[in-house]
Each structure stands twice: as C-alpha cells, then as structure tokens.
Protein backbone atom coordinates (compact mmCIF):
# COMPACT_ATOMS: atom_id res chain seq x y z
CA UNK A 1 0.16 -0.05 -0.07
CA UNK A 2 1.37 3.33 -1.02
CA UNK A 3 1.87 5.77 1.85
CA UNK A 4 -0.55 9.02 1.50
CA UNK A 5 2.34 11.38 1.10
CA UNK A 6 3.65 9.81 -2.05
CA UNK A 7 0.93 10.65 -4.56
CA UNK A 8 0.96 14.35 -3.84
CA UNK A 9 4.71 14.30 -3.78
CA UNK A 10 4.75 12.71 -7.31
CA UNK A 11 2.46 15.54 -8.56
CA UNK A 12 4.43 18.06 -6.92
CA UNK A 13 7.63 16.76 -8.51
CA UNK A 14 5.97 16.47 -12.14
CA UNK A 15 5.09 20.02 -11.95
CA UNK A 16 8.30 21.50 -10.13
CA UNK A 17 11.24 19.26 -10.78
CA UNK A 18 14.39 21.12 -12.21
CA UNK A 19 15.45 20.03 -15.66
CA UNK A 20 18.74 18.52 -15.23
CA UNK A 21 20.92 16.61 -17.75
CA UNK A 22 21.46 13.49 -15.64
CA UNK A 23 17.64 13.21 -15.31
CA UNK A 24 17.30 12.79 -18.81
CA UNK A 25 19.33 9.55 -19.07
CA UNK A 26 19.43 5.92 -17.69
CA UNK A 27 23.34 5.67 -18.40
CA UNK A 28 24.63 4.69 -15.22
CA UNK A 29 28.07 6.10 -15.75
CA UNK A 30 26.59 9.49 -16.14
CA UNK A 31 24.19 9.11 -13.21
CA UNK A 32 27.23 8.07 -11.27
CA UNK A 33 29.38 11.06 -12.30
CA UNK A 34 26.48 13.43 -11.26
CA UNK A 35 25.82 11.70 -7.91
CA UNK A 36 29.63 11.93 -6.86
CA UNK A 37 30.06 15.57 -8.25
CA UNK A 38 26.92 16.72 -6.45
CA UNK A 39 28.36 15.13 -3.06
CA UNK A 40 29.07 18.25 -0.89
CA UNK A 41 28.48 20.56 -3.96
CA UNK A 42 25.44 22.56 -4.89
CA UNK A 43 23.69 21.80 -8.31
CA UNK A 44 24.46 25.19 -9.81
CA UNK A 45 28.20 24.82 -9.19
CA UNK A 46 28.30 21.09 -10.12
CA UNK A 47 26.56 21.58 -13.29
CA UNK A 48 29.61 22.99 -15.19
CA UNK A 49 31.72 20.18 -13.79
CA UNK A 50 29.60 17.47 -14.94
CA UNK A 51 29.44 18.84 -18.46
CA UNK A 52 33.15 19.24 -18.50
CA UNK A 53 33.65 15.61 -17.33
CA UNK A 54 31.28 14.34 -19.72
CA UNK A 55 32.99 16.20 -22.57
CA UNK A 56 36.56 15.14 -21.48
CA UNK A 57 35.67 11.62 -20.24
CA UNK A 58 32.49 10.42 -22.26
CA UNK A 59 32.61 7.07 -21.09
CA UNK A 60 33.89 4.95 -18.26
CA UNK A 61 36.82 3.55 -20.44
CA UNK A 62 37.84 7.09 -21.28
CA UNK A 63 38.01 8.02 -17.43
CA UNK A 64 39.84 4.88 -16.65
CA UNK A 65 42.55 5.52 -19.23
CA UNK A 66 43.09 9.39 -18.63
CA UNK A 67 46.22 10.65 -17.01
CA UNK A 68 45.52 11.54 -13.50
CA UNK A 69 46.73 14.97 -13.70
CA UNK A 70 44.05 15.64 -16.40
CA UNK A 71 41.40 14.24 -13.91
CA UNK A 72 42.60 16.32 -11.16
CA UNK A 73 42.77 19.41 -13.17
CA UNK A 74 39.15 18.69 -14.32
CA UNK A 75 38.18 18.39 -10.64
CA UNK A 76 40.07 21.65 -9.66
CA UNK A 77 37.98 23.95 -7.57
CA UNK A 78 35.28 21.39 -6.25
CA UNK A 79 37.13 20.23 -3.21
CA UNK A 80 37.17 16.94 -1.42
CA UNK A 81 39.61 15.75 -3.89
CA UNK A 82 39.57 12.02 -2.78
CA UNK A 83 36.18 12.08 -4.70
CA UNK A 84 38.15 12.52 -7.93
CA UNK A 85 40.83 9.99 -7.10
CA UNK A 86 38.14 7.46 -6.11
CA UNK A 87 36.14 8.20 -9.60
CA UNK A 88 39.23 7.02 -11.64
CA UNK A 89 39.92 4.20 -9.39
CA UNK A 90 36.29 3.04 -9.74
CA UNK A 91 36.51 3.57 -13.46
CA UNK A 92 39.43 1.07 -13.56
CA UNK A 93 37.43 -1.18 -11.43
CA UNK A 94 34.52 -1.32 -13.76
CA UNK A 95 37.22 -2.11 -16.53
CA UNK A 96 39.12 -4.97 -14.86
CA UNK A 97 36.21 -6.18 -12.66
CA UNK A 98 33.25 -5.88 -14.81
CA UNK A 99 34.77 -6.11 -18.41
CA UNK A 100 34.19 -2.43 -19.06
CA UNK A 101 30.31 -2.52 -18.21
CA UNK A 102 29.03 -0.47 -15.57
CA UNK A 103 27.33 -2.98 -12.96
CA UNK A 104 23.69 -3.05 -13.06
CA UNK A 105 22.66 -3.85 -9.58
CA UNK A 106 23.11 -2.43 -6.04
CA UNK A 107 25.20 -4.98 -4.42
CA UNK A 108 27.80 -4.84 -7.57
CA UNK A 109 27.76 -0.83 -7.66
CA UNK A 110 28.57 -0.92 -3.93
CA UNK A 111 31.99 -2.70 -4.71
CA UNK A 112 33.09 0.41 -6.51
CA UNK A 113 35.74 2.71 -4.63
CA UNK A 114 34.15 5.64 -3.06
CA UNK A 115 30.58 4.39 -3.42
CA UNK A 116 28.51 4.03 -0.42
CA UNK A 117 24.79 2.96 0.38
CA UNK A 118 23.48 6.24 -0.80
CA UNK A 119 25.29 6.49 -4.16
CA UNK A 120 24.53 2.78 -4.78
CA UNK A 121 21.05 3.14 -4.23
CA UNK A 122 20.54 6.22 -6.45
CA UNK A 123 22.30 4.65 -9.32
CA UNK A 124 20.52 1.39 -8.93
CA UNK A 125 17.15 3.02 -8.68
CA UNK A 126 17.82 5.85 -11.44
CA UNK A 127 19.52 3.65 -14.02
CA UNK A 128 17.89 0.18 -13.30
CA UNK A 129 14.66 0.90 -11.34
CA UNK A 130 16.02 -1.37 -8.57
CA UNK A 131 13.77 -0.68 -5.51
CA UNK A 132 16.26 1.00 -3.06
CA UNK A 133 15.57 3.99 -1.12
CA UNK A 134 18.10 6.64 -0.73
CA UNK A 135 18.72 8.87 2.25
CA UNK A 136 20.74 12.00 1.78
CA UNK A 137 20.83 15.11 3.72
CA UNK A 138 17.60 16.41 1.89
CA UNK A 139 15.79 13.26 2.73
CA UNK A 140 16.96 13.25 6.32
CA UNK A 141 15.55 16.81 6.70
CA UNK A 142 12.15 16.17 5.15
CA UNK A 143 11.51 12.96 6.85
CA UNK A 144 12.77 14.33 10.34
CA UNK A 145 10.41 17.50 9.84
CA UNK A 146 7.39 15.72 8.59
CA UNK A 147 7.29 12.83 11.01
CA UNK A 148 8.79 14.80 13.97
CA UNK A 149 11.94 12.46 14.16
CA UNK A 150 14.37 13.81 16.80
CA UNK A 151 16.86 10.88 16.73
CA UNK A 152 20.32 12.38 15.63
CA UNK A 153 20.79 11.86 11.94
CA UNK A 154 24.51 11.60 12.46
CA UNK A 155 24.19 8.59 14.78
CA UNK A 156 24.13 4.83 14.07
CA UNK A 157 20.81 4.68 15.47
CA UNK A 158 19.51 7.45 13.55
CA UNK A 159 20.88 6.16 10.34
CA UNK A 160 19.03 2.93 10.67
CA UNK A 161 15.85 4.45 11.63
CA UNK A 162 15.73 6.71 8.77
CA UNK A 163 16.76 4.13 6.32
CA UNK A 164 13.94 1.68 7.49
CA UNK A 165 11.28 4.57 7.23
CA UNK A 166 12.57 5.44 3.79
CA UNK A 167 12.54 1.85 2.84
CA UNK A 168 8.95 1.53 4.01
CA UNK A 169 7.72 4.56 2.20
CA UNK A 170 9.37 3.71 -1.16
CA UNK A 171 7.26 3.05 -4.10
CA UNK A 172 8.34 -0.38 -5.12
CA UNK A 173 7.16 0.28 -8.85
CA UNK A 174 8.77 3.71 -9.21
CA UNK A 175 11.74 3.85 -6.86
CA UNK A 176 13.66 6.04 -9.18
CA UNK A 177 10.92 8.82 -9.27
CA UNK A 178 10.34 8.31 -5.77
CA UNK A 179 13.92 8.90 -4.79
CA UNK A 180 14.25 12.05 -7.27
CA UNK A 181 10.98 13.35 -5.60
CA UNK A 182 12.16 13.04 -2.06
CA UNK A 183 15.46 14.68 -2.79
CA UNK A 184 13.99 17.35 -4.71
CA UNK A 185 11.45 18.21 -2.47
CA UNK A 186 13.95 18.56 0.36
CA UNK A 187 16.10 20.59 -1.85
CA UNK A 188 13.56 23.15 -3.22
CA UNK A 189 10.87 23.24 -0.40
CA UNK A 190 11.86 21.80 2.75
CA UNK A 191 15.38 23.74 2.78
CA UNK A 192 17.87 23.90 5.56
CA UNK A 193 17.31 27.70 6.04
CA UNK A 194 14.03 29.59 5.31
CA UNK A 195 11.98 26.32 4.19
CA UNK A 196 8.82 27.26 2.24
CA UNK A 197 6.26 26.10 4.81
CA UNK A 198 3.65 28.60 4.00
CA UNK A 199 3.28 27.16 0.50
CA UNK A 200 4.36 23.43 1.35
CA UNK A 201 1.84 20.83 0.15
CA UNK A 202 2.09 18.92 3.49
CA UNK A 203 1.67 21.95 5.91
CA UNK A 204 -1.45 20.50 7.19
CA UNK A 205 0.15 17.10 8.13
CA UNK A 206 3.75 18.18 8.87
CA UNK A 207 4.59 17.36 12.54
CA UNK A 208 7.45 20.09 12.88
CA UNK A 209 5.19 22.79 11.60
CA UNK A 210 2.13 21.77 13.68
CA UNK A 211 4.35 21.84 16.66
CA UNK A 212 6.56 24.85 15.62
CA UNK A 213 9.88 23.01 15.77
CA UNK A 214 11.06 23.27 12.25
CA UNK A 215 14.24 25.00 13.19
CA UNK A 216 15.02 22.25 15.60
CA UNK A 217 15.11 19.39 13.03
CA UNK A 218 17.02 17.54 11.77
CA UNK A 219 19.21 16.82 15.06
CA UNK A 220 22.92 16.43 14.84
CA UNK A 221 25.30 15.59 17.79
CA UNK A 222 28.53 15.83 16.33
CA UNK A 223 30.12 19.28 15.80
CA UNK A 224 32.96 19.91 13.34
CA UNK A 225 36.03 21.23 15.26
CA UNK A 226 37.46 23.88 13.14
CA UNK A 227 41.23 24.45 13.18
CA UNK A 228 43.49 27.35 12.21
CA UNK A 229 46.24 26.79 9.83
CA UNK A 230 49.06 28.83 8.64
CA UNK A 231 50.79 28.06 5.35
CA UNK A 232 53.77 29.86 3.68
CA UNK A 233 54.72 29.13 0.07
CA UNK A 234 57.74 29.99 -1.84
CA UNK A 235 57.50 30.76 -5.61
CA UNK A 236 60.93 30.34 -6.63
CA UNK A 237 61.90 31.00 -10.07
CA UNK A 238 65.31 30.50 -11.82
CA UNK A 239 66.84 32.49 -14.74
CA UNK A 240 64.85 30.48 -17.29
CA UNK A 241 61.42 31.46 -15.82
CA UNK A 242 61.02 27.82 -14.37
CA UNK A 243 59.09 27.52 -11.08
CA UNK A 244 59.62 24.75 -8.37
CA UNK A 245 56.52 22.52 -7.76
CA UNK A 246 55.87 19.58 -5.57
CA UNK A 247 53.21 17.10 -5.37
CA UNK A 248 51.06 16.44 -2.25
CA UNK A 249 51.55 12.83 -1.03
CA UNK A 250 49.40 9.84 0.18
CA UNK A 251 46.72 10.43 2.90
CA UNK A 252 46.39 14.02 2.29
CA UNK A 253 43.38 16.27 1.66
CA UNK A 254 45.24 17.57 -1.39
CA UNK A 255 46.78 14.33 -2.58
CA UNK A 256 48.06 14.23 -6.07
CA UNK A 257 47.75 18.04 -6.39
CA UNK A 258 50.57 20.46 -6.89
CA UNK A 259 51.81 23.22 -4.81
CA UNK A 260 54.76 25.51 -4.63
CA UNK A 261 57.59 24.82 -2.23
CA UNK A 262 56.15 24.76 1.32
CA UNK A 263 58.14 26.69 3.61
CA UNK A 264 55.95 26.31 6.75
CA UNK A 265 52.85 24.47 7.85
CA UNK A 266 52.22 25.12 11.48
CA UNK A 267 49.24 22.79 11.33
CA UNK A 268 51.66 19.84 10.81
CA UNK A 269 54.46 21.52 12.62
CA UNK A 270 56.70 21.37 9.61
CA UNK A 271 59.06 24.06 8.62
CA UNK A 272 61.63 23.90 5.64
CA UNK A 273 64.99 25.53 6.25
CA UNK A 274 66.02 27.58 3.27
CA UNK A 275 69.56 28.70 3.03
CA UNK A 276 68.88 32.26 1.80
CA UNK A 277 72.50 33.59 1.78
CA UNK A 278 74.35 30.68 0.10
CA UNK A 279 72.29 30.71 -3.04
CA UNK A 280 71.81 34.31 -3.64
CA UNK A 281 67.89 34.17 -3.41
CA UNK A 282 66.41 37.63 -4.21
CA UNK A 283 63.17 38.05 -2.44
CA UNK A 284 60.77 40.12 -4.65
CA UNK A 285 57.47 40.30 -2.77
CA UNK A 286 55.16 38.66 -0.31
CA UNK A 287 51.54 38.26 -0.77
CA UNK A 288 49.04 37.57 1.97
CA UNK A 289 45.77 35.68 1.00
CA UNK A 290 42.45 36.13 2.85
CA UNK A 291 41.16 33.35 4.97
CA UNK A 292 40.48 30.09 3.05
CA UNK A 293 37.52 28.28 4.60
CA UNK A 294 37.26 24.52 4.54
CA UNK A 295 34.56 22.39 6.67
CA UNK A 296 37.18 21.73 9.31
CA UNK A 297 39.92 24.26 8.75
CA UNK A 298 40.52 28.10 8.39
CA UNK A 299 43.71 28.40 6.33
CA UNK A 300 45.91 31.69 6.22
CA UNK A 301 48.35 31.68 3.50
CA UNK A 302 51.50 33.67 2.50
CA UNK A 303 53.18 33.43 -0.83
CA UNK A 304 56.87 34.61 -1.10
CA UNK A 305 58.05 35.30 -4.72
CA UNK A 306 61.73 35.00 -5.31
CA UNK A 307 64.43 34.45 -7.86
CA UNK A 308 67.75 32.66 -7.89
CA UNK A 309 69.97 31.82 -10.87
CA UNK A 310 69.86 28.12 -10.58
CA UNK A 311 67.72 26.01 -8.19
CA UNK A 312 69.92 24.54 -5.35
CA UNK A 313 70.01 20.69 -5.35
CA UNK A 314 68.54 20.42 -1.80
CA UNK A 315 65.45 21.93 -2.95
CA UNK A 316 65.23 19.80 -6.09
CA UNK A 317 64.93 16.72 -4.01
CA UNK A 318 61.25 15.47 -4.23
CA UNK A 319 60.44 18.53 -6.48
CA UNK A 320 60.28 19.33 -10.16
CA UNK A 321 60.88 22.36 -12.28
CA UNK A 322 58.14 23.55 -14.62
CA UNK A 323 58.02 26.44 -17.16
CA UNK A 324 55.79 29.06 -15.80
CA UNK A 325 53.92 29.20 -18.87
CA UNK A 326 52.67 25.66 -18.29
CA UNK A 327 51.65 25.79 -14.91
CA UNK A 328 48.03 26.27 -15.87
CA UNK A 329 48.13 22.90 -16.97
CA UNK A 330 48.47 21.69 -13.46
CA UNK A 331 45.97 20.90 -10.78
CA UNK A 332 46.32 23.03 -7.71
CA UNK A 333 44.39 23.43 -4.45
CA UNK A 334 41.82 25.92 -4.85
CA UNK A 335 43.57 28.33 -2.54
CA UNK A 336 46.61 28.34 -4.73
CA UNK A 337 44.41 28.63 -7.96
CA UNK A 338 42.80 31.61 -6.32
CA UNK A 339 45.96 33.20 -5.55
CA UNK A 340 47.19 32.59 -9.25
CA UNK A 341 43.89 33.97 -10.78
CA UNK A 342 44.52 37.40 -8.97
CA UNK A 343 45.34 40.15 -11.60
CA UNK A 344 47.67 41.68 -9.12
CA UNK A 345 49.77 38.49 -8.85
CA UNK A 346 49.63 37.73 -12.79
CA UNK A 347 51.00 41.22 -13.51
CA UNK A 348 53.64 41.04 -11.08
CA UNK A 349 54.96 37.78 -11.98
CA UNK A 350 54.54 38.46 -15.74
CA UNK A 351 56.66 41.88 -15.27
CA UNK A 352 59.22 39.92 -13.12
CA UNK A 353 59.88 37.37 -15.72
CA UNK A 354 60.62 39.94 -18.41
CA UNK A 355 63.51 41.58 -16.63
C-alpha cells in the first residue's frame, strides 16, 4: 500500500522538478558522475563540472585511461579531492572487474571505490529501477520534519531508523521517481534555512510545522572542530622562468595536487630551512591571502616570490621544475589557484619574468 504522502509528492515533482541533464538518461556512468560531483556540492556549481567531465571523459573507459593529472585538473575547485581519485579508481575497477560494463545492480555497484549505500541506491534506482531507497541530507531533513523524528541523523541508530522509514515509504514500482522526488522536495521546499512552509503541500500534516519545531530538526550531535592553519609558500623562479613545484603525497586532503615549495605549515608542525644567503635568493614580494575556509580548517596563506640563478640541489629533491607558462596545466588546491587568478599576482610575475 502506498503511503498517503507519495501521490501528492509525485504530483508536485512532475510540476516543479528542475530539468537536469542526468535526469534525462538511464546511463549509469553519467548518473554515477552526477552523484559523485553533487556530494558536498550545490547543483548550480556542479553542473559545469558534470558537463566538463562528460566532454573530457564520455564513457567509463575514457575516464579509466585518462592521465591522473588531467582528471585532477578537471576537478580543480570542487574540493574533497578524494572524490576525483576514487572516481578514476572505480572506473578502472569497472574495466578490470566488470569487463568495461558498468555494474547493473546495487550490490555490485557498492563494490566500487568511493561508492556508499546512498550513491549505490541512487544509481541502482535511477538507472535500473531497482527498489532501493536513498537517504541523503535532503531526505533526512524532510523525513525528520514531516514525522517529527528527533533521533540524531549522524548517529548509528538515527541512520538505521531513517533508512528503515525510507524503505517503508518507497514506491516499489517507481523507486527512481520516488527517490528523485524526495530529494528534490527537500532541496527546493524543505530547505535547511527558510523552508517554504507557508506554501508547502504538506503543511497540514507536517508534525514539525504543527508543533513549531521546524528550526530544531533534523538533530545532529557531532560538531565539526575548526582548526586554524598557517601556510607559507615559496614561488621560486630560476633564470629561465621555471618555477619549483611539488606534489602532495598519500593520505592528504590535497593528494596528487601540485603546490609550490612549502616553507611552513604550522598545522603539521613542519618548517623548511632555506639557506637564503648561500644561493643568493632575491626576495621580490610577499602576498598574503584572505582566509580560505574549509569545513574543518581556516587557512591563512602567505606566498613569497623569489628568484635564484639556479635551483639548489637540496630544493630539487622530491620536487620538479616547470616552465611558468605551463603551470596552468597543473591541478592546484583551490586556495593556490585563487592566488594565481588574481590580476595583481599575474601582472607582478609577468613583469618579473620579463626583466
């Protein structure tokens, strides 16, 4: 028996849904791309990245065989870079474990790197109409408010409770539409801030609205601890307009991304001793960037631009020189790319390299 909220929800969805490219296909590869891109990302921001990825990597084989630097460069600016690394790893899994054919059921999709229960349920229901209910942030919010559930959504008991409820509500014949409608309603009407309660189709049956506790739900128990981090980078140029770069290593939030010589990182208590006098470094200018905000860090960054005739050997260890004109081909963390995009920085460095 279908729950009373399903039919009006479907009617609302049919009349109000956003026209999004990944909703016009049953291609599991494209649906998977959209789901991964939209994790921790707004639709309006993720759209351009989705279109870029489809253009660069039109199928799973193209993504699997692409150079890692190209994948990371295409992802640059989206943050949570492990998503991009997991995407390519999973694409290679599809090639090696599934003979290049994207898996067509929930259990096999769940085997892919970086794919959790939500993403697997979304792909399985959207692409293959498998009856699996998704529970994302939008669904948590809608269900907690409509039914008045105060169990924390970030607790193990809460996750089980909400998943069971979503499974009970699921329209077995139309799981894809049900999941899309639930998520869309949470995104467009039952919003985190300023929900549209006055025009909501469920205003007469919503527990939270009746009891004036909309702002109290959903409940979370865990709070993100924000830490302050100070970084100091050295943009070191040689006489041939090359700059020194280094690549972030394993188990790092910026793994596989490039950066300049890191002089100091007080977050990790590291500091590079640069012998300024022995190699005739000529410091040209310091640039200080505004606070860069991540979910768990506030980063303050200084960039020192300097020149030297020849890069000293001790700085060349684990680093590589790159022609400045080719740095746009490298993938950098967003805080560095923002620095490089500043007109003041571009003009200064271009003038410096002409002298």
